[in-house]
Amino acid sequence: MNESSVPKILVVDDEPLNVELMEIYLSGDYEVISAYGGAEGLEKARTENVDLVLLDVMMPDVSGFDVCTALKDDPLYQFLPVVMVTALSGKDDKIKSIEAGADDFLSKPVDRLELETRVKSLIKIRQLHNSLISQRDEAQKYLDVAGVILLVLDKNQNVMLVNRKGCEILGRDEEDVLGKNWFDSFLPPEESDYTKKIFSSLLNGEIDEFEYSENSIITAEGEERIISWHNSLLMDGNGDISGILSSGEDITERKKTEVALKDYANQLEHSNELKDLFIDIIRHDLMNPAGAVKGFTDILLKRSKFEDGDLRMLKAIERTNKKLITMIESAATFAKIESVSKVRLNVMDLGEILNNVAHTLESQLNENRMSLHMSLKGSYPALVDPMIEQVFVNFLSNAIKYSPEDTCITVEIEDLGGEWKVKVMDQGFGILDEDKELVFERFKRLDKGNIKGTGLGLAIVKRVVDLHGGKVGVADNPNGEGSMFWVTLKMA
């Protein structure tokens, strides 16, 4: 993390309007640095001490994939979060982003809430990572012989001192280690030349004393152990370099765990791809034929005359397809809401929202010969996301579906002091006490005679209300037969 208290975001895009839009979205909480091409973006990523990169894919000079790969291949920037931003939506582009090492990706046009949420999440991870690295480096200065290998090498690469921990890991006695050339005696041959170069660079002042490095050592049993090293130059009485003090930590098991975690992460990524594919199938591949069936059925019912038996079958097709469309929409909505972790709350009038929902459902009320009475006076400002309308649509449509004809649905809003309690009361079948706790669970659908549902509607309601920090429940209608569904929401 840069020394400034405000995180730096690098926006790389060859379209100035896209860069300007990102600056508008982010400038309130972050310092935004602009780059108008891949080469410029790569340079600024390495010189501006940024905390996150928003990287366009399609650029004429250097593509976003190449820029991301270059950063992730550089040890200095391999943990710098990179978000690919692209107008492409194919699976191949997502795979390329993952292969390039991208931490996340966004599709154009970028949704502001989604952008802010993902940037905030990745910045937080970046801060935690840097904090852990800082703590580790600080603690490393005070490690003693009990926890790490301590090794002193003279300018000729011979071992002048080794502590007990070093001997334990090597599986050798001290006399078997002292005086031996460290690189030729205790390292795998394929790593010896490379580590000798690091040693020479340290002696010549070409790299920092505490430069981090890793290499394998060979134990007396022939086992390879991976050691992470930090080094410090030793001076003689004349101020000349006499050797190097190295502290080493055995990270073999940690490396094995990292490999296992990487494999697990790949499995999670595959699962997420399957989930995205499933949602796409629900939203597009299933909805398209269902919509076509609806269209043709409507045309036939309006333009053709049928015998009673044929008309009943066509009406059955219409009803069944309508239920299918409802099921597809509910499943897609639930999958979308399940993936949301936070909503952006705005001041909205609950009375206005309820009036809009009532207007939308007016035809259903008329078809079922039902009336709607809303005891609303004045305004009811609440902190909500527009998706809260889905809650009231569900409550009212359920009340219509599960209530007899010629009955009344009542809507009231109660002031709880800091919260609004919205109550929807019907004169329907009612819900048994033992079933009241089940109705908001996914795929739990109570027996209501020949009325069928997906079992997702009230699960969607509960998820939306949870995201708002409110409560939801059901009780008996206090004014008589039926049920009362209620939800509490924060006042503005």
Protein backbone atom coordinates (compact mmCIF):
# COMPACT_ATOMS: atom_id res chain seq x y z
CA MET A 1 0.00 0.00 0.00
CA ASN A 2 1.35 3.44 -0.87
CA GLU A 3 2.30 5.82 1.93
CA SER A 4 -0.70 8.07 1.25
CA SER A 5 -3.82 7.40 3.28
CA VAL A 6 -5.87 7.37 0.05
CA PRO A 7 -5.47 4.21 -2.09
CA LYS A 8 -4.28 4.73 -5.65
CA ILE A 9 -6.25 3.22 -8.55
CA LEU A 10 -4.63 2.98 -11.99
CA VAL A 11 -7.18 3.09 -14.84
CA VAL A 12 -5.80 1.84 -18.17
CA ASP A 13 -7.99 2.32 -21.26
CA ASP A 14 -7.32 3.66 -24.76
CA GLU A 15 -10.74 5.38 -24.76
CA PRO A 16 -10.52 8.72 -22.85
CA LEU A 17 -14.27 8.70 -22.15
CA ASN A 18 -13.99 5.34 -20.37
CA VAL A 19 -11.12 6.66 -18.27
CA GLU A 20 -13.07 9.81 -17.43
CA LEU A 21 -16.11 7.73 -16.39
CA MET A 22 -13.98 5.59 -14.06
CA GLU A 23 -12.50 8.76 -12.54
CA ILE A 24 -16.00 10.06 -11.83
CA TYR A 25 -17.01 6.74 -10.23
CA LEU A 26 -13.90 6.44 -8.04
CA SER A 27 -12.45 9.91 -7.40
CA GLY A 28 -14.44 10.44 -4.22
CA ASP A 29 -12.71 7.64 -2.32
CA TYR A 30 -9.52 7.01 -4.27
CA GLU A 31 -6.69 8.78 -6.05
CA VAL A 32 -7.14 7.89 -9.72
CA ILE A 33 -4.16 7.67 -12.07
CA SER A 34 -4.88 7.50 -15.82
CA ALA A 35 -3.10 5.67 -18.61
CA TYR A 36 -4.27 5.60 -22.24
CA GLY A 37 -2.55 2.50 -23.51
CA GLY A 38 -1.05 -0.79 -22.42
CA ALA A 39 2.58 0.36 -22.53
CA GLU A 40 1.84 3.51 -20.55
CA GLY A 41 -0.25 1.51 -18.09
CA LEU A 42 2.58 -0.99 -17.50
CA GLU A 43 5.05 1.84 -16.89
CA LYS A 44 2.78 3.64 -14.41
CA ALA A 45 1.97 0.41 -12.59
CA ARG A 46 5.70 0.06 -11.92
CA THR A 47 6.42 3.70 -11.05
CA GLU A 48 3.33 5.15 -9.37
CA ASN A 49 3.11 2.78 -6.38
CA VAL A 50 -0.54 1.98 -7.14
CA ASP A 51 -2.81 -0.30 -5.09
CA LEU A 52 -5.08 -1.66 -7.84
CA VAL A 53 -5.25 -1.68 -11.65
CA LEU A 54 -8.45 -1.43 -13.73
CA LEU A 55 -7.27 -2.76 -17.07
CA ASP A 56 -9.04 -2.63 -20.44
CA VAL A 57 -8.56 -5.77 -22.56
CA MET A 58 -8.64 -4.45 -26.12
CA MET A 59 -5.91 -1.83 -26.66
CA PRO A 60 -3.99 -1.17 -29.89
CA ASP A 61 -0.42 -1.16 -28.54
CA VAL A 62 -0.26 -3.76 -25.75
CA SER A 63 -3.34 -5.81 -24.84
CA GLY A 64 -4.66 -5.96 -21.31
CA PHE A 65 -3.86 -9.68 -21.18
CA ASP A 66 -0.17 -8.97 -21.93
CA VAL A 67 0.01 -6.15 -19.38
CA CYS A 68 -1.56 -8.37 -16.71
CA THR A 69 0.79 -11.26 -17.51
CA ALA A 70 3.84 -8.96 -17.32
CA LEU A 71 2.79 -7.66 -13.90
CA LYS A 72 1.97 -11.07 -12.45
CA ASP A 73 5.26 -12.54 -13.72
CA ASP A 74 7.19 -9.81 -11.87
CA PRO A 75 7.74 -10.75 -8.18
CA LEU A 76 7.44 -7.07 -7.23
CA TYR A 77 3.89 -6.83 -8.59
CA GLN A 78 2.55 -10.38 -8.44
CA PHE A 79 0.22 -9.45 -5.56
CA LEU A 80 -0.98 -6.18 -7.12
CA PRO A 81 -4.75 -6.64 -7.72
CA VAL A 82 -5.70 -6.46 -11.42
CA VAL A 83 -9.32 -6.19 -12.62
CA MET A 84 -9.91 -6.80 -16.34
CA VAL A 85 -12.56 -4.49 -17.81
CA THR A 86 -13.93 -5.61 -21.17
CA ALA A 87 -16.86 -5.23 -23.52
CA LEU A 88 -16.42 -8.89 -24.45
CA SER A 89 -18.58 -11.43 -22.66
CA GLY A 90 -17.41 -14.77 -23.98
CA LYS A 91 -16.17 -17.52 -21.72
CA ASP A 92 -12.84 -17.59 -23.59
CA ASP A 93 -12.11 -14.02 -22.54
CA LYS A 94 -12.77 -14.86 -18.89
CA ILE A 95 -10.45 -17.86 -19.20
CA LYS A 96 -7.75 -15.67 -20.78
CA SER A 97 -8.14 -13.18 -17.92
CA ILE A 98 -7.70 -15.96 -15.36
CA GLU A 99 -4.71 -17.40 -17.22
CA ALA A 100 -3.13 -13.94 -17.33
CA GLY A 101 -3.42 -13.81 -13.53
CA ALA A 102 -6.28 -11.32 -13.22
CA ASP A 103 -7.91 -11.16 -9.79
CA ASP A 104 -11.35 -10.24 -11.13
CA PHE A 105 -13.12 -8.95 -14.24
CA LEU A 106 -15.94 -6.54 -15.06
CA SER A 107 -18.07 -6.26 -18.18
CA LYS A 108 -18.73 -2.99 -20.00
CA PRO A 109 -20.78 -0.94 -19.50
CA VAL A 110 -19.49 -1.03 -15.93
CA ASP A 111 -22.11 -0.94 -13.19
CA ARG A 112 -21.07 1.67 -10.62
CA LEU A 113 -22.19 -0.35 -7.58
CA GLU A 114 -20.48 -3.49 -8.84
CA LEU A 115 -17.29 -1.52 -9.58
CA GLU A 116 -17.22 0.11 -6.14
CA THR A 117 -17.95 -3.19 -4.39
CA ARG A 118 -15.21 -5.14 -6.15
CA VAL A 119 -12.63 -2.36 -5.86
CA LYS A 120 -13.35 -1.98 -2.15
CA SER A 121 -13.05 -5.74 -1.60
CA LEU A 122 -9.74 -6.06 -3.48
CA ILE A 123 -8.28 -2.96 -1.78
CA LYS A 124 -9.14 -4.47 1.60
CA ILE A 125 -7.42 -7.74 0.63
CA ARG A 126 -4.41 -5.73 -0.57
CA GLN A 127 -4.24 -3.88 2.76
CA LEU A 128 -4.48 -7.10 4.75
CA HIS A 129 -1.77 -8.71 2.61
CA ASN A 130 0.57 -5.74 3.06
CA SER A 131 -0.13 -5.70 6.78
CA LEU A 132 0.80 -9.38 7.04
CA ILE A 133 3.98 -8.84 5.05
CA SER A 134 4.91 -5.86 7.24
CA GLN A 135 4.32 -7.84 10.42
CA ARG A 136 6.32 -10.78 9.10
CA ASP A 137 9.27 -8.56 8.17
CA GLU A 138 9.18 -6.86 11.55
CA ALA A 139 9.10 -10.15 13.41
CA GLN A 140 11.91 -11.54 11.26
CA LYS A 141 14.33 -9.03 12.78
CA TYR A 142 13.87 -10.59 16.22
CA LEU A 143 13.93 -14.28 15.39
CA ASP A 144 16.40 -16.22 17.48
CA VAL A 145 18.09 -19.59 17.17
CA ALA A 146 14.99 -21.43 18.42
CA GLY A 147 12.87 -20.69 15.36
CA VAL A 148 15.10 -20.28 12.32
CA ILE A 149 18.33 -21.41 10.76
CA LEU A 150 21.22 -19.08 11.53
CA LEU A 151 24.11 -19.43 9.13
CA VAL A 152 27.36 -17.48 8.73
CA LEU A 153 29.30 -17.85 5.48
CA ASP A 154 32.72 -16.35 4.82
CA LYS A 155 33.63 -14.66 1.54
CA ASN A 156 34.68 -18.05 0.14
CA GLN A 157 31.18 -19.49 0.72
CA ASN A 158 32.35 -21.75 3.58
CA VAL A 159 30.22 -22.30 6.69
CA MET A 160 31.67 -20.48 9.69
CA LEU A 161 28.70 -20.88 12.06
CA VAL A 162 25.47 -22.88 12.08
CA ASN A 163 22.95 -23.01 14.91
CA ARG A 164 21.09 -25.97 16.38
CA LYS A 165 18.00 -25.39 14.22
CA GLY A 166 20.15 -25.50 11.08
CA CYS A 167 21.74 -28.77 12.16
CA GLU A 168 18.32 -30.27 12.98
CA ILE A 169 16.91 -29.45 9.54
CA LEU A 170 20.04 -30.69 7.77
CA GLY A 171 20.08 -33.84 9.92
CA ARG A 172 23.79 -33.42 10.55
CA ASP A 173 26.07 -32.65 13.47
CA GLU A 174 27.76 -29.28 13.67
CA GLU A 175 31.21 -30.70 12.84
CA ASP A 176 29.77 -32.19 9.64
CA VAL A 177 28.68 -28.73 8.46
CA LEU A 178 31.40 -26.31 9.61
CA GLY A 179 34.12 -25.54 7.07
CA LYS A 180 32.14 -27.00 4.13
CA ASN A 181 31.25 -25.01 1.03
CA TRP A 182 27.58 -24.32 1.62
CA PHE A 183 26.44 -24.27 -1.99
CA ASP A 184 28.40 -27.30 -3.17
CA SER A 185 27.70 -29.47 -0.11
CA PHE A 186 24.11 -28.78 0.90
CA LEU A 187 22.21 -27.55 -2.16
CA PRO A 188 20.85 -29.47 -5.17
CA PRO A 189 23.28 -29.15 -8.09
CA GLU A 190 20.65 -27.48 -10.30
CA GLU A 191 20.24 -24.63 -7.78
CA SER A 192 23.87 -24.18 -6.75
CA ASP A 193 25.00 -21.81 -9.53
CA TYR A 194 21.98 -19.51 -9.14
CA THR A 195 22.38 -19.14 -5.36
CA LYS A 196 26.09 -18.51 -5.75
CA LYS A 197 25.21 -15.55 -7.97
CA ILE A 198 22.91 -14.17 -5.25
CA PHE A 199 25.75 -14.56 -2.71
CA SER A 200 28.16 -12.68 -4.98
CA SER A 201 25.59 -9.94 -5.60
CA LEU A 202 25.19 -9.48 -1.85
CA LEU A 203 28.93 -9.22 -1.32
CA ASN A 204 29.25 -6.68 -4.16
CA GLY A 205 26.32 -4.56 -2.91
CA GLU A 206 24.28 -5.19 -6.06
CA ILE A 207 21.16 -6.20 -4.10
CA ASP A 208 19.81 -5.21 -0.69
CA GLU A 209 21.02 -7.05 2.39
CA PHE A 210 17.57 -8.23 3.37
CA GLU A 211 16.63 -9.35 -0.14
CA TYR A 212 14.23 -12.29 0.14
CA SER A 213 15.13 -15.52 -1.62
CA GLU A 214 14.14 -19.18 -1.61
CA ASN A 215 16.06 -22.31 -2.44
CA SER A 216 16.16 -25.99 -1.55
CA ILE A 217 18.69 -27.71 0.71
CA ILE A 218 19.42 -31.43 0.92
CA THR A 219 19.22 -33.26 4.27
CA ALA A 220 21.38 -36.17 5.31
CA GLU A 221 18.51 -38.49 4.28
CA GLY A 222 18.47 -37.02 0.77
CA GLU A 223 15.22 -35.11 1.30
CA GLU A 224 14.85 -31.63 -0.21
CA ARG A 225 13.57 -28.91 2.12
CA ILE A 226 12.58 -25.44 0.86
CA ILE A 227 14.11 -22.59 2.88
CA SER A 228 13.30 -18.88 2.72
CA TRP A 229 16.31 -16.66 3.44
CA HIS A 230 17.04 -13.13 4.65
CA ASN A 231 20.65 -11.96 4.59
CA SER A 232 22.85 -9.37 6.30
CA LEU A 233 26.43 -8.39 5.57
CA LEU A 234 29.07 -8.87 8.27
CA MET A 235 31.98 -6.41 8.66
CA ASP A 236 35.42 -6.88 10.18
CA GLY A 237 37.25 -4.41 12.39
CA ASN A 238 38.40 -2.41 9.36
CA GLY A 239 34.90 -2.02 7.98
CA ASP A 240 35.47 -4.53 5.20
CA ILE A 241 32.93 -7.23 4.32
CA SER A 242 33.93 -10.47 6.02
CA GLY A 243 30.91 -12.62 5.24
CA ILE A 244 27.14 -12.93 5.32
CA LEU A 245 24.72 -13.79 8.14
CA SER A 246 21.65 -15.63 6.83
CA SER A 247 18.48 -16.50 8.68
CA GLY A 248 16.43 -19.24 7.08
CA GLU A 249 12.92 -20.58 7.67
CA ASP A 250 11.77 -24.02 6.57
CA ILE A 251 8.69 -23.36 4.40
CA THR A 252 8.36 -26.80 2.84
CA GLU A 253 5.01 -27.57 4.42
CA ARG A 254 3.74 -24.08 3.66
CA LYS A 255 4.63 -24.54 0.01
CA LYS A 256 2.73 -27.82 -0.06
CA THR A 257 -0.25 -26.04 1.47
CA GLU A 258 0.00 -23.28 -1.13
CA VAL A 259 -0.13 -25.86 -3.89
CA ALA A 260 -3.17 -27.47 -2.29
CA LEU A 261 -4.85 -24.08 -1.86
CA LYS A 262 -4.13 -23.20 -5.48
CA ASP A 263 -5.73 -26.45 -6.59
CA TYR A 264 -8.73 -25.70 -4.38
CA ALA A 265 -8.96 -22.18 -5.83
CA ASN A 266 -8.98 -23.67 -9.33
CA GLN A 267 -11.82 -25.96 -8.31
CA LEU A 268 -13.77 -22.99 -6.90
CA GLU A 269 -13.17 -21.07 -10.11
CA HIS A 270 -14.55 -24.00 -12.09
CA SER A 271 -17.59 -24.10 -9.80
CA ASN A 272 -18.16 -20.38 -10.32
CA GLU A 273 -17.97 -20.87 -14.08
CA LEU A 274 -20.57 -23.62 -13.87
CA LYS A 275 -22.78 -21.36 -11.74
CA ASP A 276 -22.46 -18.52 -14.26
CA LEU A 277 -23.27 -20.94 -17.07
CA PHE A 278 -26.33 -22.18 -15.20
CA ILE A 279 -27.60 -18.64 -14.62
CA ASP A 280 -27.07 -17.81 -18.30
CA ILE A 281 -29.04 -20.90 -19.28
CA ILE A 282 -31.86 -19.88 -16.96
CA ARG A 283 -31.95 -16.29 -18.16
CA HIS A 284 -31.56 -16.85 -21.88
CA ASP A 285 -31.71 -20.41 -23.15
CA LEU A 286 -34.82 -21.31 -21.13
CA MET A 287 -36.60 -17.96 -21.29
CA ASN A 288 -36.39 -17.65 -25.06
CA PRO A 289 -38.41 -20.79 -25.92
CA ALA A 290 -40.82 -20.11 -23.04
CA GLY A 291 -41.38 -16.62 -24.39
CA ALA A 292 -41.97 -18.01 -27.87
CA VAL A 293 -44.58 -20.44 -26.52
CA LYS A 294 -46.32 -17.55 -24.76
CA GLY A 295 -46.36 -15.45 -27.91
CA PHE A 296 -47.78 -18.16 -30.15
CA THR A 297 -50.35 -19.13 -27.52
CA ASP A 298 -51.55 -15.53 -27.23
CA ILE A 299 -51.91 -15.28 -31.01
CA LEU A 300 -53.89 -18.53 -31.24
CA LEU A 301 -56.23 -17.54 -28.41
CA LYS A 302 -56.94 -14.17 -30.02
CA ARG A 303 -57.26 -15.17 -33.69
CA SER A 304 -58.57 -18.73 -33.75
CA LYS A 305 -61.74 -20.52 -32.78
CA PHE A 306 -61.49 -23.93 -31.15
CA GLU A 307 -63.80 -26.62 -29.96
CA ASP A 308 -64.21 -26.81 -26.20
CA GLY A 309 -61.71 -29.67 -25.78
CA ASP A 310 -59.04 -28.00 -27.89
CA LEU A 311 -59.61 -24.68 -26.13
CA ARG A 312 -59.14 -26.30 -22.72
CA MET A 313 -55.86 -27.85 -23.86
CA LEU A 314 -54.64 -24.51 -25.21
CA LYS A 315 -55.61 -22.81 -21.95
CA ALA A 316 -53.71 -25.53 -20.07
CA ILE A 317 -50.64 -24.84 -22.20
CA GLU A 318 -50.98 -21.13 -21.43
CA ARG A 319 -51.22 -21.74 -17.66
CA THR A 320 -48.35 -24.23 -17.61
CA ASN A 321 -46.08 -21.96 -19.64
CA LYS A 322 -46.94 -19.03 -17.39
CA LYS A 323 -45.84 -21.08 -14.37
CA LEU A 324 -42.66 -22.06 -16.22
CA ILE A 325 -41.82 -18.40 -16.94
CA THR A 326 -42.46 -17.52 -13.29
CA MET A 327 -40.17 -20.35 -12.20
CA ILE A 328 -37.39 -19.25 -14.58
CA GLU A 329 -37.65 -15.63 -13.45
CA SER A 330 -37.66 -16.63 -9.77
CA ALA A 331 -34.65 -18.94 -10.13
CA ALA A 332 -32.69 -16.30 -12.05
CA THR A 333 -33.61 -13.60 -9.53
CA PHE A 334 -32.64 -15.79 -6.58
CA ALA A 335 -29.29 -16.73 -8.17
CA LYS A 336 -28.55 -13.05 -8.82
CA ILE A 337 -29.50 -11.92 -5.32
CA GLU A 338 -27.55 -14.77 -3.71
CA SER A 339 -24.37 -13.46 -5.37
CA VAL A 340 -24.90 -9.95 -3.94
CA SER A 341 -23.10 -9.30 -0.66
CA LYS A 342 -23.97 -5.64 -0.12
CA VAL A 343 -26.55 -3.16 -1.39
CA ARG A 344 -26.31 0.61 -1.71
CA LEU A 345 -29.07 2.23 0.34
CA ASN A 346 -30.84 5.36 -0.86
CA VAL A 347 -33.69 7.42 0.57
CA MET A 348 -36.96 6.26 -1.00
CA ASP A 349 -40.62 6.65 -0.06
CA LEU A 350 -42.17 3.30 0.86
CA GLY A 351 -45.64 4.67 0.16
CA GLU A 352 -44.66 5.56 -3.39
CA ILE A 353 -43.12 2.13 -3.93
CA LEU A 354 -46.25 0.38 -2.65
CA ASN A 355 -48.50 2.50 -4.88
CA ASN A 356 -46.38 1.59 -7.91
CA VAL A 357 -46.61 -2.12 -7.04
CA ALA A 358 -50.39 -1.84 -6.55
CA HIS A 359 -50.74 -0.24 -9.97
CA THR A 360 -48.67 -3.04 -11.54
CA LEU A 361 -50.88 -5.74 -9.97
CA GLU A 362 -54.19 -3.97 -10.69
CA SER A 363 -55.14 -6.36 -13.51
CA GLN A 364 -54.55 -9.41 -11.26
CA LEU A 365 -56.75 -7.86 -8.58
CA ASN A 366 -59.52 -7.27 -11.10
CA GLU A 367 -59.27 -10.78 -12.54
CA ASN A 368 -59.70 -12.25 -9.06
CA ARG A 369 -62.42 -9.73 -8.11
CA MET A 370 -60.36 -8.57 -5.13
CA SER A 371 -59.94 -5.13 -3.57
CA LEU A 372 -56.83 -3.50 -2.12
CA HIS A 373 -56.99 -1.08 0.81
CA MET A 374 -53.79 0.80 1.67
CA SER A 375 -53.88 2.88 4.86
CA LEU A 376 -51.08 5.24 3.85
CA LYS A 377 -50.86 8.88 4.90
CA GLY A 378 -48.01 11.24 4.12
CA SER A 379 -44.56 9.95 3.21
CA TYR A 380 -42.51 7.09 4.63
CA PRO A 381 -38.82 7.79 3.85
CA ALA A 382 -36.65 4.69 4.23
CA LEU A 383 -33.08 3.64 3.45
CA VAL A 384 -33.55 1.01 0.74
CA ASP A 385 -32.30 -0.31 -2.56
CA PRO A 386 -34.74 -0.34 -5.51
CA MET A 387 -34.76 -4.16 -5.30
CA ILE A 388 -36.98 -3.78 -2.19
CA GLU A 389 -39.91 -3.49 -4.62
CA GLN A 390 -39.49 -7.25 -5.23
CA VAL A 391 -40.50 -7.84 -1.59
CA PHE A 392 -43.80 -6.01 -1.92
CA VAL A 393 -44.55 -7.54 -5.33
CA ASN A 394 -44.13 -10.97 -3.77
CA PHE A 395 -46.26 -10.19 -0.71
CA LEU A 396 -49.15 -8.74 -2.74
CA SER A 397 -49.06 -11.33 -5.54
CA ASN A 398 -49.08 -14.13 -2.94
CA ALA A 399 -52.01 -12.49 -1.19
CA ILE A 400 -53.90 -12.42 -4.48
CA LYS A 401 -52.93 -15.99 -5.34
CA TYR A 402 -53.85 -17.54 -2.00
CA SER A 403 -57.02 -15.57 -1.17
CA PRO A 404 -60.62 -16.30 -2.28
CA GLU A 405 -62.43 -14.03 -4.70
CA ASP A 406 -64.37 -11.02 -3.38
CA THR A 407 -61.98 -10.53 -0.45
CA CYS A 408 -59.86 -7.54 0.56
CA ILE A 409 -56.08 -7.15 0.96
CA THR A 410 -54.96 -4.52 3.46
CA VAL A 411 -51.57 -2.75 3.54
CA GLU A 412 -50.41 -0.71 6.54
CA ILE A 413 -47.15 0.97 7.58
CA GLU A 414 -46.38 1.24 11.29
CA ASP A 415 -43.85 3.62 12.88
CA LEU A 416 -41.59 1.62 15.26
CA GLY A 417 -39.31 4.57 16.03
CA GLY A 418 -36.25 4.20 13.80
CA GLU A 419 -37.88 1.55 11.62
CA TRP A 420 -40.95 1.19 9.42
CA LYS A 421 -42.99 -1.99 9.68
CA VAL A 422 -44.85 -2.75 6.45
CA LYS A 423 -47.76 -5.19 6.91
CA VAL A 424 -49.68 -6.97 4.14
CA MET A 425 -52.84 -8.71 5.42
CA ASP A 426 -55.03 -11.06 3.38
CA GLN A 427 -58.21 -13.05 4.03
CA GLY A 428 -56.86 -16.27 2.60
CA PHE A 429 -56.26 -19.78 3.84
CA GLY A 430 -53.86 -18.81 6.62
CA ILE A 431 -50.66 -20.63 7.65
CA LEU A 432 -50.30 -23.17 10.45
CA ASP A 433 -48.06 -22.11 13.35
CA GLU A 434 -45.65 -25.01 12.75
CA ASP A 435 -45.25 -23.91 9.12
CA LYS A 436 -44.60 -20.21 9.75
CA GLU A 437 -40.85 -20.69 10.23
CA LEU A 438 -40.54 -22.70 7.01
CA VAL A 439 -42.11 -20.37 4.47
CA PHE A 440 -38.98 -18.23 3.97
CA GLU A 441 -36.68 -21.19 3.26
CA ARG A 442 -35.75 -21.87 -0.34
CA PHE A 443 -37.80 -24.55 -2.10
CA LYS A 444 -40.18 -24.81 0.88
CA ARG A 445 -43.68 -24.55 -0.57
CA LEU A 446 -46.66 -25.20 1.65
CA ASP A 447 -49.63 -27.24 0.46
CA LYS A 448 -52.31 -24.84 -0.82
CA GLY A 449 -54.61 -27.17 -2.68
CA ASN A 450 -54.19 -26.89 -6.44
CA ILE A 451 -52.12 -23.67 -6.23
CA LYS A 452 -48.48 -24.34 -7.13
CA GLY A 453 -45.35 -22.22 -6.79
CA THR A 454 -41.57 -22.45 -7.09
CA GLY A 455 -40.76 -22.21 -3.39
CA LEU A 456 -38.32 -19.37 -4.19
CA GLY A 457 -40.45 -16.24 -3.88
CA LEU A 458 -40.30 -15.84 -0.11
CA ALA A 459 -36.66 -17.01 -0.06
CA ILE A 460 -35.94 -14.06 -2.38
CA VAL A 461 -37.87 -11.82 0.02
CA LYS A 462 -35.79 -12.94 3.00
CA ARG A 463 -32.50 -12.52 1.14
CA VAL A 464 -33.41 -8.97 0.04
CA VAL A 465 -34.51 -8.01 3.55
CA ASP A 466 -31.33 -9.52 5.05
CA LEU A 467 -29.25 -7.36 2.68
CA HIS A 468 -31.13 -4.33 4.06
CA GLY A 469 -30.47 -5.32 7.68
CA GLY A 470 -34.20 -5.69 8.34
CA LYS A 471 -36.48 -8.44 9.58
CA VAL A 472 -39.26 -10.38 7.91
CA GLY A 473 -41.99 -12.65 9.26
CA VAL A 474 -45.52 -13.96 9.03
CA ALA A 475 -48.36 -14.04 11.58
CA ASP A 476 -52.10 -14.56 11.65
CA ASN A 477 -54.19 -11.67 10.37
CA PRO A 478 -55.09 -9.72 13.55
CA ASN A 479 -58.32 -8.54 11.93
CA GLY A 480 -59.73 -11.98 11.15
CA GLU A 481 -59.08 -14.93 8.87
CA GLY A 482 -55.91 -15.03 6.78
CA SER A 483 -52.26 -14.12 7.18
CA MET A 484 -50.15 -11.03 7.79
CA PHE A 485 -46.72 -10.85 6.15
CA TRP A 486 -44.50 -8.08 7.52
CA VAL A 487 -41.06 -6.57 7.03
CA THR A 488 -39.09 -3.94 8.96
CA LEU A 489 -36.85 -1.40 7.21
CA LYS A 490 -34.69 1.44 8.50
CA MET A 491 -36.11 4.95 8.45
CA ALA A 492 -34.15 7.55 6.50
